[in-house]
C-alpha cells in the first residue's frame, strides 16, 4: 500500500484560498505522489458525477450547476447523504468545498502540485459539530481512513487514465 504522508507548508505563500478549520475536533491530512500530469489528476477529481466509478466509498454523486464556485453537489458516502458547495475551483491546482450531513459540518480541499514524476496531491478535511465533539476519537479515525483510502483510489484512477494503453 502506498504511503500517505503529510507535508506542512504555508498555504498563504502558495496563494491557496480554501482552509479547513484547524480548530475542529477532527482533522485529517494526507499527501501522495501520482504518476500522472496534474491535468489528468484534476480531470478525475473534478468529474464529480463519476466519483462512484473509481472510489468505492462514494455510492452516488451529482453536481448541479456545472463545475464552478458556489455550485452544489449531492453525494452519498458511508451512511450519510451529503450536500456540498464548491468554494474553490482552480484548474489544475485546487478544488475545495464545504458540506453538511447528519449534523456534521465538513470542509475539504485538494491541492495539486506538479512533481518530477507527475503530481503531488495534498488533501485536508475537517469535521465539526456536536456529534464530532462527542465522538472525537472515532471521528478522527474515520476521517483519516477516508482521506487515505480516497488518495489511494485517486492515484489508481489517475495512473490508469494516464497509462499509454488507456483510450
Foldseek 3Di string as FASTA:
>chain_A
DDAWDDDDDDVVVVPDDDDWPPPALAKAKTKDDAQAALQLLQVQVQPQQCVVVQQVQWPGKDWPPHRDFQTWMWTDGPPWIKIKTWHDDDPSAKTKIWIDTPFKTKIKMWGWDQDPRHIMIMMMMHIHGDVCVVVSVVVNVVVNVVNVSVVVSSRVVSNLCRDPVHD
